[in-house]
Amino acid sequence: MPLIVGIKDEDKAEIFTEDERKFLASFNMGMIAMSAGIGRVKKNEDERYGISVDVATDRFNLVWSMYGKGDSPFTTEFVQKMADAEWSSNVGNEKDEAFAHRMKESLFDEAVRGYDNIKRPYRQTWEDKKKQIDMIKSFIGIYLSGETYYYDDFVKTMVNEIADVFNMNGELQYKPIYHNSNNTPLYLVWDEKEDEWKLSKTKEEW
């Protein structure tokens, strides 16, 4: 899908200088919007769709500090003008939690880039992180409420779902997940026949 960015109404765009209009419709601005998770800035708090001016200003400036050169153009006044002129891009408006998570992952990637001896774990998406949060909340709620009787096999169900959402097999396929009372290392493996996770003395072959 092509990246679409800029101000549709030419009359509203007149509040900007020619250079500012070119910048707001540029590929660079589209990439900034994508990195900031902003498709539209709200004119005021009464509008439902978009990112508030204050939050958008902070996000634009954070992205600019990471990738931009020179002084950032994103003052509060400038971003408010973007909102008033109905600037937009075909980028989804990310929630704060999703944006913060993605920035954390990006910053760590940048920090360890070039260090061959630092192993970077797989990059986790916000969707994966959200699944983990929801799974733990569900597990705690079901267990403490005593409503485990709603599930045919509560323990088996929860073990399978927790192992799935935390990508346990992907992260630990070459390492033991547990040592039993005899200090025997046990690996997490998927039993295709029984359709469930099990512990094994031998790791799964890939």
N, C-alpha and C. Protein backbone atom coordinates (compact mmCIF):
# COMPACT_ATOMS: atom_id res chain seq x y z
N MET A 1 0.83 -1.18 0.00
CA MET A 1 0.00 0.00 0.00
C MET A 1 0.88 1.25 0.00
N PRO A 2 0.61 2.21 -0.90
CA PRO A 2 1.45 3.41 -0.95
C PRO A 2 1.26 4.28 0.28
N LEU A 3 2.30 5.01 0.61
CA LEU A 3 2.25 5.92 1.75
C LEU A 3 1.64 7.23 1.30
N ILE A 4 0.53 7.63 1.91
CA ILE A 4 -0.17 8.87 1.55
C ILE A 4 -0.07 9.84 2.73
N VAL A 5 0.45 11.02 2.48
CA VAL A 5 0.65 11.98 3.56
C VAL A 5 0.50 13.40 3.03
N GLY A 6 -0.08 14.30 3.83
CA GLY A 6 -0.19 15.69 3.43
C GLY A 6 -1.53 16.29 3.82
N ILE A 7 -1.86 17.44 3.21
CA ILE A 7 -3.09 18.17 3.49
C ILE A 7 -3.92 18.20 2.21
N LYS A 8 -5.12 17.65 2.24
CA LYS A 8 -5.95 17.53 1.05
C LYS A 8 -6.48 18.88 0.59
N ASP A 9 -6.95 19.68 1.52
CA ASP A 9 -7.57 20.96 1.19
C ASP A 9 -6.50 22.04 1.00
N GLU A 10 -6.32 22.50 -0.22
CA GLU A 10 -5.27 23.49 -0.51
C GLU A 10 -5.51 24.80 0.23
N ASP A 11 -6.76 25.18 0.43
CA ASP A 11 -7.06 26.42 1.14
C ASP A 11 -6.57 26.34 2.59
N LYS A 12 -6.77 25.19 3.22
CA LYS A 12 -6.32 25.02 4.60
C LYS A 12 -4.80 24.95 4.69
N ALA A 13 -4.16 24.49 3.63
CA ALA A 13 -2.70 24.38 3.62
C ALA A 13 -2.03 25.74 3.53
N GLU A 14 -2.80 26.78 3.19
CA GLU A 14 -2.22 28.11 3.01
C GLU A 14 -1.65 28.70 4.30
N ILE A 15 -1.98 28.13 5.45
CA ILE A 15 -1.45 28.66 6.72
C ILE A 15 0.04 28.30 6.89
N PHE A 16 0.54 27.42 6.01
CA PHE A 16 1.94 27.03 6.05
C PHE A 16 2.71 27.69 4.91
N THR A 17 4.01 27.83 5.10
CA THR A 17 4.86 28.32 4.02
C THR A 17 5.00 27.23 2.97
N GLU A 18 5.50 27.59 1.81
CA GLU A 18 5.67 26.61 0.74
C GLU A 18 6.59 25.48 1.16
N ASP A 19 7.69 25.82 1.86
CA ASP A 19 8.62 24.79 2.32
C ASP A 19 7.95 23.87 3.34
N GLU A 20 7.14 24.45 4.23
CA GLU A 20 6.45 23.64 5.23
C GLU A 20 5.44 22.70 4.57
N ARG A 21 4.74 23.19 3.55
CA ARG A 21 3.77 22.34 2.84
C ARG A 21 4.48 21.17 2.16
N LYS A 22 5.62 21.45 1.54
CA LYS A 22 6.39 20.39 0.89
C LYS A 22 6.84 19.36 1.92
N PHE A 23 7.30 19.84 3.07
CA PHE A 23 7.76 18.93 4.11
C PHE A 23 6.63 18.05 4.62
N LEU A 24 5.45 18.65 4.86
CA LEU A 24 4.31 17.91 5.41
C LEU A 24 3.76 16.88 4.43
N ALA A 25 4.08 17.02 3.16
CA ALA A 25 3.63 16.06 2.15
C ALA A 25 4.76 15.18 1.65
N SER A 26 5.90 15.21 2.35
CA SER A 26 7.08 14.49 1.88
C SER A 26 7.12 13.05 2.38
N PHE A 27 7.97 12.27 1.73
CA PHE A 27 8.19 10.88 2.18
C PHE A 27 8.77 10.87 3.59
N ASN A 28 9.67 11.81 3.88
CA ASN A 28 10.27 11.89 5.23
C ASN A 28 9.20 12.09 6.29
N MET A 29 8.23 12.97 6.00
CA MET A 29 7.15 13.20 6.96
C MET A 29 6.32 11.94 7.13
N GLY A 30 6.12 11.21 6.03
CA GLY A 30 5.38 9.96 6.12
C GLY A 30 6.09 8.95 7.00
N MET A 31 7.41 8.89 6.89
CA MET A 31 8.19 7.96 7.72
C MET A 31 8.17 8.40 9.19
N ILE A 32 8.20 9.71 9.42
CA ILE A 32 8.10 10.22 10.79
C ILE A 32 6.74 9.85 11.37
N ALA A 33 5.68 10.04 10.59
CA ALA A 33 4.33 9.71 11.05
C ALA A 33 4.23 8.21 11.36
N MET A 34 4.82 7.39 10.50
CA MET A 34 4.80 5.94 10.70
C MET A 34 5.53 5.57 11.99
N SER A 35 6.70 6.16 12.19
CA SER A 35 7.49 5.87 13.39
C SER A 35 6.80 6.37 14.64
N ALA A 36 6.08 7.49 14.52
CA ALA A 36 5.40 8.07 15.68
C ALA A 36 4.03 7.46 15.92
N GLY A 37 3.55 6.66 14.98
CA GLY A 37 2.24 6.04 15.13
C GLY A 37 1.12 7.06 15.09
N ILE A 38 1.22 8.04 14.16
CA ILE A 38 0.23 9.11 14.09
C ILE A 38 -0.29 9.23 12.66
N GLY A 39 -1.59 9.02 12.51
CA GLY A 39 -2.22 9.19 11.21
C GLY A 39 -2.99 10.49 11.11
N ARG A 40 -3.33 11.04 12.28
CA ARG A 40 -4.10 12.29 12.30
C ARG A 40 -3.94 12.91 13.68
N VAL A 41 -3.91 14.25 13.71
CA VAL A 41 -3.82 14.98 14.97
C VAL A 41 -5.17 15.62 15.25
N LYS A 42 -5.69 15.46 16.46
CA LYS A 42 -6.99 16.02 16.82
C LYS A 42 -6.90 17.53 17.02
N LYS A 43 -7.87 18.27 16.49
CA LYS A 43 -7.91 19.72 16.68
C LYS A 43 -8.14 20.06 18.15
N ASN A 44 -8.95 19.25 18.81
CA ASN A 44 -9.25 19.47 20.23
C ASN A 44 -9.64 18.13 20.85
N GLU A 45 -9.82 18.14 22.15
CA GLU A 45 -10.08 16.89 22.86
C GLU A 45 -11.47 16.33 22.59
N ASP A 46 -12.36 17.16 22.00
CA ASP A 46 -13.71 16.68 21.72
C ASP A 46 -13.74 15.72 20.53
N GLU A 47 -12.72 15.80 19.68
CA GLU A 47 -12.67 14.89 18.54
C GLU A 47 -12.28 13.50 19.00
N ARG A 48 -12.93 12.51 18.43
CA ARG A 48 -12.71 11.13 18.87
C ARG A 48 -11.51 10.48 18.18
N TYR A 49 -11.31 10.81 16.90
CA TYR A 49 -10.29 10.09 16.13
C TYR A 49 -9.02 10.92 16.01
N GLY A 50 -7.89 10.30 16.35
CA GLY A 50 -6.61 10.97 16.21
C GLY A 50 -5.83 11.01 17.51
N ILE A 51 -4.67 11.66 17.45
CA ILE A 51 -3.78 11.81 18.59
C ILE A 51 -3.81 13.27 19.03
N SER A 52 -3.85 13.52 20.33
CA SER A 52 -3.92 14.90 20.82
C SER A 52 -2.67 15.68 20.42
N VAL A 53 -2.79 17.00 20.37
CA VAL A 53 -1.67 17.86 19.97
C VAL A 53 -0.48 17.66 20.89
N ASP A 54 -0.71 17.62 22.20
CA ASP A 54 0.40 17.48 23.15
C ASP A 54 1.13 16.16 22.98
N VAL A 55 0.37 15.08 22.85
CA VAL A 55 0.98 13.76 22.69
C VAL A 55 1.70 13.68 21.34
N ALA A 56 1.05 14.20 20.29
CA ALA A 56 1.65 14.17 18.96
C ALA A 56 2.96 14.96 18.94
N THR A 57 2.98 16.09 19.62
CA THR A 57 4.20 16.91 19.68
C THR A 57 5.34 16.13 20.31
N ASP A 58 5.04 15.46 21.42
CA ASP A 58 6.08 14.68 22.11
C ASP A 58 6.56 13.52 21.24
N ARG A 59 5.63 12.84 20.59
CA ARG A 59 6.02 11.68 19.77
C ARG A 59 6.85 12.13 18.56
N PHE A 60 6.39 13.17 17.87
CA PHE A 60 7.14 13.67 16.71
C PHE A 60 8.57 14.06 17.11
N ASN A 61 8.69 14.73 18.25
CA ASN A 61 10.01 15.18 18.69
C ASN A 61 10.90 14.02 19.14
N LEU A 62 10.29 13.00 19.73
CA LEU A 62 11.07 11.82 20.11
C LEU A 62 11.62 11.13 18.87
N VAL A 63 10.77 10.94 17.86
CA VAL A 63 11.22 10.32 16.62
C VAL A 63 12.27 11.20 15.93
N TRP A 64 12.06 12.52 15.94
CA TRP A 64 13.03 13.43 15.33
C TRP A 64 14.39 13.33 16.03
N SER A 65 14.38 13.20 17.35
CA SER A 65 15.64 13.11 18.09
C SER A 65 16.40 11.84 17.76
N MET A 66 15.68 10.80 17.30
CA MET A 66 16.31 9.53 16.96
C MET A 66 16.82 9.52 15.53
N TYR A 67 16.07 10.14 14.61
CA TYR A 67 16.38 9.99 13.20
C TYR A 67 16.60 11.31 12.46
N GLY A 68 16.14 12.42 13.02
CA GLY A 68 16.21 13.69 12.32
C GLY A 68 17.55 14.39 12.46
N LYS A 69 17.71 15.46 11.68
CA LYS A 69 18.92 16.28 11.74
C LYS A 69 18.53 17.74 11.96
N GLY A 70 19.32 18.45 12.75
CA GLY A 70 19.02 19.84 13.02
C GLY A 70 17.90 20.00 14.03
N ASP A 71 17.38 21.23 14.11
CA ASP A 71 16.31 21.51 15.07
C ASP A 71 14.99 20.94 14.58
N SER A 72 14.23 20.39 15.50
CA SER A 72 12.93 19.83 15.15
C SER A 72 11.93 20.95 14.83
N PRO A 73 11.13 20.77 13.79
CA PRO A 73 10.10 21.77 13.47
C PRO A 73 8.83 21.61 14.30
N PHE A 74 8.76 20.54 15.09
CA PHE A 74 7.51 20.18 15.75
C PHE A 74 7.31 20.88 17.09
N THR A 75 7.05 22.18 17.02
CA THR A 75 6.63 22.90 18.21
C THR A 75 5.15 22.62 18.44
N THR A 76 4.65 22.94 19.62
CA THR A 76 3.22 22.74 19.89
C THR A 76 2.38 23.55 18.92
N GLU A 77 2.83 24.76 18.62
CA GLU A 77 2.09 25.63 17.71
C GLU A 77 2.04 25.04 16.29
N PHE A 78 3.16 24.46 15.85
CA PHE A 78 3.22 23.88 14.51
C PHE A 78 2.30 22.67 14.42
N VAL A 79 2.32 21.82 15.44
CA VAL A 79 1.47 20.62 15.43
C VAL A 79 0.00 21.01 15.51
N GLN A 80 -0.33 22.07 16.26
CA GLN A 80 -1.70 22.54 16.30
C GLN A 80 -2.15 23.02 14.92
N LYS A 81 -1.26 23.67 14.20
CA LYS A 81 -1.57 24.11 12.84
C LYS A 81 -1.80 22.90 11.93
N MET A 82 -1.02 21.84 12.13
CA MET A 82 -1.23 20.60 11.37
C MET A 82 -2.64 20.07 11.62
N ALA A 83 -3.06 20.10 12.88
CA ALA A 83 -4.40 19.63 13.23
C ALA A 83 -5.48 20.51 12.60
N ASP A 84 -5.29 21.82 12.70
CA ASP A 84 -6.28 22.76 12.15
C ASP A 84 -6.41 22.62 10.64
N ALA A 85 -5.29 22.33 9.96
CA ALA A 85 -5.30 22.17 8.50
C ALA A 85 -5.72 20.77 8.07
N GLU A 86 -5.98 19.90 9.06
CA GLU A 86 -6.40 18.52 8.83
C GLU A 86 -5.34 17.72 8.06
N TRP A 87 -4.09 17.91 8.47
CA TRP A 87 -3.01 17.07 7.94
C TRP A 87 -3.31 15.62 8.33
N SER A 88 -2.92 14.69 7.45
CA SER A 88 -3.15 13.28 7.77
C SER A 88 -2.19 12.40 6.99
N SER A 89 -2.08 11.16 7.41
CA SER A 89 -1.33 10.14 6.68
C SER A 89 -2.07 8.82 6.86
N ASN A 90 -1.88 7.90 5.93
CA ASN A 90 -2.58 6.61 6.04
C ASN A 90 -1.80 5.66 6.94
N VAL A 91 -1.58 6.15 8.16
CA VAL A 91 -0.88 5.39 9.21
C VAL A 91 -1.84 5.24 10.37
N GLY A 92 -1.84 4.09 11.00
CA GLY A 92 -2.72 3.87 12.14
C GLY A 92 -2.31 4.73 13.34
N ASN A 93 -3.31 5.18 14.10
CA ASN A 93 -3.04 5.93 15.33
C ASN A 93 -2.79 4.94 16.47
N GLU A 94 -1.54 4.83 16.88
CA GLU A 94 -1.18 3.87 17.91
C GLU A 94 -1.55 4.37 19.30
N LYS A 95 -1.98 3.48 20.13
CA LYS A 95 -2.19 3.83 21.54
C LYS A 95 -0.83 4.03 22.20
N ASP A 96 -0.83 4.79 23.29
CA ASP A 96 0.42 5.13 23.97
C ASP A 96 1.22 3.89 24.35
N GLU A 97 0.52 2.86 24.85
CA GLU A 97 1.21 1.65 25.29
C GLU A 97 1.92 0.97 24.13
N ALA A 98 1.25 0.89 22.99
CA ALA A 98 1.84 0.25 21.83
C ALA A 98 3.03 1.05 21.31
N PHE A 99 2.88 2.38 21.29
CA PHE A 99 3.97 3.23 20.81
C PHE A 99 5.19 3.11 21.73
N ALA A 100 4.96 3.17 23.05
CA ALA A 100 6.07 3.08 24.00
C ALA A 100 6.78 1.74 23.88
N HIS A 101 6.01 0.67 23.71
CA HIS A 101 6.61 -0.67 23.57
C HIS A 101 7.48 -0.74 22.32
N ARG A 102 6.97 -0.22 21.20
CA ARG A 102 7.72 -0.28 19.95
C ARG A 102 8.99 0.56 20.03
N MET A 103 8.92 1.72 20.68
CA MET A 103 10.10 2.56 20.84
C MET A 103 11.15 1.86 21.71
N LYS A 104 10.69 1.19 22.74
CA LYS A 104 11.63 0.46 23.61
C LYS A 104 12.37 -0.60 22.82
N GLU A 105 11.64 -1.34 21.98
CA GLU A 105 12.26 -2.36 21.16
C GLU A 105 13.25 -1.74 20.17
N SER A 106 12.86 -0.63 19.55
CA SER A 106 13.72 0.04 18.56
C SER A 106 14.98 0.58 19.21
N LEU A 107 14.82 1.20 20.37
CA LEU A 107 15.98 1.79 21.06
C LEU A 107 16.97 0.72 21.48
N PHE A 108 16.46 -0.43 21.92
CA PHE A 108 17.36 -1.50 22.30
C PHE A 108 18.11 -2.04 21.09
N ASP A 109 17.38 -2.16 19.98
CA ASP A 109 18.02 -2.61 18.74
C ASP A 109 19.17 -1.68 18.37
N GLU A 110 18.93 -0.37 18.45
CA GLU A 110 19.95 0.60 18.11
C GLU A 110 21.13 0.52 19.08
N ALA A 111 20.83 0.29 20.36
CA ALA A 111 21.88 0.29 21.38
C ALA A 111 22.85 -0.88 21.21
N VAL A 112 22.34 -2.05 20.80
CA VAL A 112 23.20 -3.23 20.70
C VAL A 112 23.73 -3.47 19.29
N ARG A 113 23.31 -2.63 18.35
CA ARG A 113 23.76 -2.81 16.97
C ARG A 113 25.29 -2.70 16.91
N GLY A 114 25.94 -3.67 16.29
CA GLY A 114 27.38 -3.64 16.14
C GLY A 114 28.12 -4.41 17.23
N TYR A 115 27.41 -4.86 18.27
CA TYR A 115 28.05 -5.65 19.33
C TYR A 115 27.76 -7.13 19.06
N ASP A 116 28.72 -7.82 18.50
CA ASP A 116 28.50 -9.20 18.07
C ASP A 116 28.26 -10.16 19.23
N ASN A 117 28.75 -9.83 20.42
CA ASN A 117 28.67 -10.76 21.54
C ASN A 117 27.41 -10.58 22.39
N ILE A 118 26.56 -9.63 22.00
CA ILE A 118 25.30 -9.44 22.72
C ILE A 118 24.19 -10.07 21.90
N LYS A 119 23.58 -11.10 22.44
CA LYS A 119 22.52 -11.79 21.73
C LYS A 119 21.20 -11.05 21.92
N ARG A 120 20.61 -10.65 20.83
CA ARG A 120 19.33 -9.95 20.88
C ARG A 120 18.20 -10.95 20.82
N PRO A 121 17.31 -11.00 21.83
CA PRO A 121 16.16 -11.90 21.74
C PRO A 121 15.24 -11.46 20.61
N TYR A 122 14.33 -12.36 20.23
CA TYR A 122 13.43 -12.01 19.12
C TYR A 122 12.65 -10.75 19.46
N ARG A 123 12.41 -9.95 18.45
CA ARG A 123 11.71 -8.68 18.65
C ARG A 123 10.23 -8.94 18.86
N GLN A 124 9.73 -8.51 19.97
CA GLN A 124 8.35 -8.79 20.35
C GLN A 124 7.43 -7.67 19.90
N THR A 125 6.36 -8.03 19.22
CA THR A 125 5.39 -7.03 18.80
C THR A 125 4.48 -6.68 19.97
N TRP A 126 3.81 -5.52 19.85
CA TRP A 126 2.88 -5.14 20.90
C TRP A 126 1.72 -6.13 20.98
N GLU A 127 1.31 -6.67 19.84
CA GLU A 127 0.22 -7.65 19.83
C GLU A 127 0.60 -8.87 20.65
N ASP A 128 1.86 -9.34 20.51
CA ASP A 128 2.32 -10.48 21.30
C ASP A 128 2.37 -10.12 22.79
N LYS A 129 2.87 -8.93 23.10
CA LYS A 129 2.95 -8.48 24.49
C LYS A 129 1.56 -8.39 25.11
N LYS A 130 0.60 -7.87 24.34
CA LYS A 130 -0.77 -7.73 24.83
C LYS A 130 -1.39 -9.09 25.10
N LYS A 131 -1.09 -10.07 24.24
CA LYS A 131 -1.60 -11.42 24.46
C LYS A 131 -1.08 -11.98 25.78
N GLN A 132 0.19 -11.70 26.09
CA GLN A 132 0.77 -12.17 27.34
C GLN A 132 0.09 -11.53 28.55
N ILE A 133 -0.12 -10.22 28.47
CA ILE A 133 -0.77 -9.51 29.56
C ILE A 133 -2.18 -10.05 29.78
N ASP A 134 -2.93 -10.21 28.68
CA ASP A 134 -4.31 -10.71 28.79
C ASP A 134 -4.34 -12.14 29.32
N MET A 135 -3.35 -12.96 28.91
CA MET A 135 -3.31 -14.34 29.37
C MET A 135 -3.08 -14.41 30.88
N ILE A 136 -2.15 -13.63 31.39
CA ILE A 136 -1.86 -13.63 32.82
C ILE A 136 -3.05 -13.11 33.61
N LYS A 137 -3.68 -12.04 33.12
CA LYS A 137 -4.87 -11.52 33.80
C LYS A 137 -5.97 -12.57 33.84
N SER A 138 -6.15 -13.28 32.73
CA SER A 138 -7.17 -14.32 32.66
C SER A 138 -6.87 -15.45 33.62
N PHE A 139 -5.59 -15.88 33.65
CA PHE A 139 -5.19 -16.98 34.53
C PHE A 139 -5.44 -16.61 36.00
N ILE A 140 -4.99 -15.43 36.41
CA ILE A 140 -5.15 -14.99 37.80
C ILE A 140 -6.63 -14.87 38.14
N GLY A 141 -7.40 -14.26 37.23
CA GLY A 141 -8.83 -14.07 37.49
C GLY A 141 -9.58 -15.38 37.63
N ILE A 142 -9.35 -16.30 36.70
CA ILE A 142 -10.05 -17.59 36.73
C ILE A 142 -9.68 -18.37 37.99
N TYR A 143 -8.37 -18.38 38.31
CA TYR A 143 -7.90 -19.18 39.45
C TYR A 143 -8.42 -18.62 40.77
N LEU A 144 -8.27 -17.31 40.97
CA LEU A 144 -8.67 -16.72 42.26
C LEU A 144 -10.18 -16.66 42.43
N SER A 145 -10.91 -16.61 41.32
CA SER A 145 -12.38 -16.58 41.42
C SER A 145 -12.95 -17.94 41.79
N GLY A 146 -12.15 -18.99 41.59
CA GLY A 146 -12.63 -20.34 41.86
C GLY A 146 -13.50 -20.90 40.76
N GLU A 147 -13.55 -20.21 39.61
CA GLU A 147 -14.42 -20.63 38.52
C GLU A 147 -13.71 -21.55 37.53
N THR A 148 -12.74 -22.30 38.03
CA THR A 148 -12.00 -23.21 37.14
C THR A 148 -12.87 -24.35 36.63
N TYR A 149 -14.04 -24.56 37.27
CA TYR A 149 -14.92 -25.64 36.85
C TYR A 149 -15.55 -25.36 35.48
N TYR A 150 -15.43 -24.11 35.01
CA TYR A 150 -15.93 -23.80 33.67
C TYR A 150 -15.06 -24.42 32.59
N TYR A 151 -13.87 -24.88 32.96
CA TYR A 151 -12.93 -25.44 32.00
C TYR A 151 -12.79 -26.93 32.25
N ASP A 152 -12.85 -27.71 31.18
CA ASP A 152 -12.79 -29.17 31.31
C ASP A 152 -11.51 -29.60 32.01
N ASP A 153 -10.41 -29.00 31.65
CA ASP A 153 -9.13 -29.34 32.25
C ASP A 153 -8.37 -28.04 32.44
N PHE A 154 -8.58 -27.38 33.56
CA PHE A 154 -8.05 -26.04 33.79
C PHE A 154 -6.54 -25.99 33.64
N VAL A 155 -5.85 -26.89 34.32
CA VAL A 155 -4.38 -26.86 34.32
C VAL A 155 -3.84 -27.07 32.91
N LYS A 156 -4.35 -28.08 32.21
CA LYS A 156 -3.88 -28.36 30.86
C LYS A 156 -4.14 -27.17 29.94
N THR A 157 -5.33 -26.60 30.04
CA THR A 157 -5.69 -25.45 29.20
C THR A 157 -4.75 -24.28 29.45
N MET A 158 -4.53 -23.97 30.72
CA MET A 158 -3.69 -22.82 31.07
C MET A 158 -2.23 -23.05 30.68
N VAL A 159 -1.73 -24.25 30.89
CA VAL A 159 -0.34 -24.56 30.52
C VAL A 159 -0.15 -24.38 29.02
N ASN A 160 -1.08 -24.92 28.25
CA ASN A 160 -0.97 -24.81 26.79
C ASN A 160 -1.01 -23.35 26.33
N GLU A 161 -1.95 -22.58 26.89
CA GLU A 161 -2.10 -21.19 26.45
C GLU A 161 -0.93 -20.32 26.89
N ILE A 162 -0.44 -20.53 28.11
CA ILE A 162 0.70 -19.75 28.59
C ILE A 162 1.95 -20.07 27.77
N ALA A 163 2.18 -21.34 27.50
CA ALA A 163 3.35 -21.73 26.69
C ALA A 163 3.26 -21.12 25.31
N ASP A 164 2.06 -21.05 24.75
CA ASP A 164 1.88 -20.49 23.41
C ASP A 164 2.15 -18.99 23.38
N VAL A 165 1.50 -18.25 24.29
CA VAL A 165 1.61 -16.79 24.20
C VAL A 165 2.99 -16.28 24.60
N PHE A 166 3.71 -17.04 25.42
CA PHE A 166 5.05 -16.62 25.80
C PHE A 166 6.11 -17.22 24.87
N ASN A 167 5.66 -17.89 23.82
CA ASN A 167 6.58 -18.46 22.83
C ASN A 167 7.65 -19.31 23.50
N MET A 168 7.23 -20.10 24.47
CA MET A 168 8.19 -20.85 25.28
C MET A 168 9.03 -21.81 24.44
N ASN A 169 8.39 -22.45 23.48
CA ASN A 169 9.16 -23.40 22.68
C ASN A 169 10.14 -22.69 21.77
N GLY A 170 9.72 -21.55 21.22
CA GLY A 170 10.62 -20.81 20.35
C GLY A 170 11.81 -20.25 21.09
N GLU A 171 11.61 -19.77 22.31
CA GLU A 171 12.69 -19.17 23.08
C GLU A 171 13.60 -20.22 23.74
N LEU A 172 13.01 -21.35 24.13
CA LEU A 172 13.76 -22.29 24.96
C LEU A 172 13.93 -23.66 24.31
N GLN A 173 13.82 -23.74 23.01
CA GLN A 173 13.85 -25.05 22.37
C GLN A 173 15.20 -25.74 22.52
N TYR A 174 16.27 -24.98 22.78
CA TYR A 174 17.59 -25.60 22.92
C TYR A 174 18.05 -25.66 24.38
N LYS A 175 17.22 -25.19 25.29
CA LYS A 175 17.60 -25.17 26.71
C LYS A 175 16.54 -25.87 27.54
N PRO A 176 16.96 -26.52 28.63
CA PRO A 176 15.96 -27.14 29.51
C PRO A 176 15.12 -26.06 30.19
N ILE A 177 13.84 -26.35 30.36
CA ILE A 177 12.95 -25.39 31.01
C ILE A 177 12.84 -25.67 32.51
N TYR A 178 13.21 -26.90 32.92
CA TYR A 178 13.02 -27.29 34.31
C TYR A 178 14.00 -28.39 34.68
N HIS A 179 14.39 -28.44 35.96
CA HIS A 179 15.19 -29.55 36.50
C HIS A 179 14.36 -30.21 37.59
N ASN A 180 14.13 -31.52 37.46
CA ASN A 180 13.29 -32.20 38.45
C ASN A 180 14.06 -32.46 39.75
N SER A 181 13.44 -33.19 40.66
CA SER A 181 14.04 -33.43 41.98
C SER A 181 15.36 -34.18 41.89
N ASN A 182 15.58 -34.90 40.81
CA ASN A 182 16.86 -35.59 40.59
C ASN A 182 17.85 -34.73 39.81
N ASN A 183 17.49 -33.48 39.62
CA ASN A 183 18.31 -32.52 38.87
C ASN A 183 18.46 -32.92 37.41
N THR A 184 17.48 -33.63 36.90
CA THR A 184 17.48 -34.00 35.49
C THR A 184 16.92 -32.85 34.66
N PRO A 185 17.65 -32.38 33.67
CA PRO A 185 17.14 -31.30 32.81
C PRO A 185 16.00 -31.80 31.93
N LEU A 186 14.93 -31.04 31.89
CA LEU A 186 13.76 -31.41 31.10
C LEU A 186 13.44 -30.30 30.11
N TYR A 187 13.08 -30.70 28.89
CA TYR A 187 12.79 -29.75 27.82
C TYR A 187 11.29 -29.69 27.55
N LEU A 188 10.85 -28.53 27.12
CA LEU A 188 9.46 -28.36 26.73
C LEU A 188 9.29 -28.79 25.28
N VAL A 189 8.40 -29.75 25.05
CA VAL A 189 8.17 -30.24 23.69
C VAL A 189 6.67 -30.34 23.43
N TRP A 190 6.31 -30.25 22.19
CA TRP A 190 4.91 -30.36 21.81
C TRP A 190 4.59 -31.78 21.37
N ASP A 191 3.59 -32.38 22.01
CA ASP A 191 3.17 -33.74 21.69
C ASP A 191 2.05 -33.65 20.64
N GLU A 192 2.38 -33.97 19.40
CA GLU A 192 1.42 -33.86 18.31
C GLU A 192 0.23 -34.82 18.52
N LYS A 193 0.52 -36.01 19.02
CA LYS A 193 -0.52 -37.02 19.19
C LYS A 193 -1.53 -36.61 20.25
N GLU A 194 -1.01 -36.12 21.40
CA GLU A 194 -1.88 -35.75 22.51
C GLU A 194 -2.36 -34.29 22.42
N ASP A 195 -1.75 -33.52 21.51
CA ASP A 195 -2.11 -32.12 21.30
C ASP A 195 -1.93 -31.31 22.59
N GLU A 196 -0.72 -31.43 23.18
CA GLU A 196 -0.44 -30.69 24.40
C GLU A 196 1.07 -30.58 24.61
N TRP A 197 1.46 -29.64 25.48
CA TRP A 197 2.87 -29.49 25.84
C TRP A 197 3.24 -30.52 26.89
N LYS A 198 4.49 -31.02 26.78
CA LYS A 198 4.98 -31.99 27.76
C LYS A 198 6.46 -31.72 28.04
N LEU A 199 6.95 -32.27 29.14
CA LEU A 199 8.36 -32.21 29.47
C LEU A 199 9.04 -33.49 29.00
N SER A 200 10.21 -33.33 28.46
CA SER A 200 10.94 -34.49 27.93
C SER A 200 12.42 -34.38 28.33
N LYS A 201 13.06 -35.53 28.50
CA LYS A 201 14.49 -35.55 28.80
C LYS A 201 15.33 -35.19 27.57
N THR A 202 14.71 -35.27 26.40
CA THR A 202 15.41 -34.93 25.15
C THR A 202 14.70 -33.75 24.50
N LYS A 203 15.49 -32.84 23.96
CA LYS A 203 14.89 -31.68 23.33
C LYS A 203 14.32 -32.04 21.97
N GLU A 204 13.37 -31.25 21.56
CA GLU A 204 12.70 -31.50 20.28
C GLU A 204 13.65 -31.23 19.13
N GLU A 205 13.62 -32.08 18.15
CA GLU A 205 14.47 -31.92 16.98
C GLU A 205 13.81 -30.99 15.98
N TRP A 206 14.61 -30.11 15.39
CA TRP A 206 14.09 -29.15 14.42
C TRP A 206 14.80 -29.30 13.09
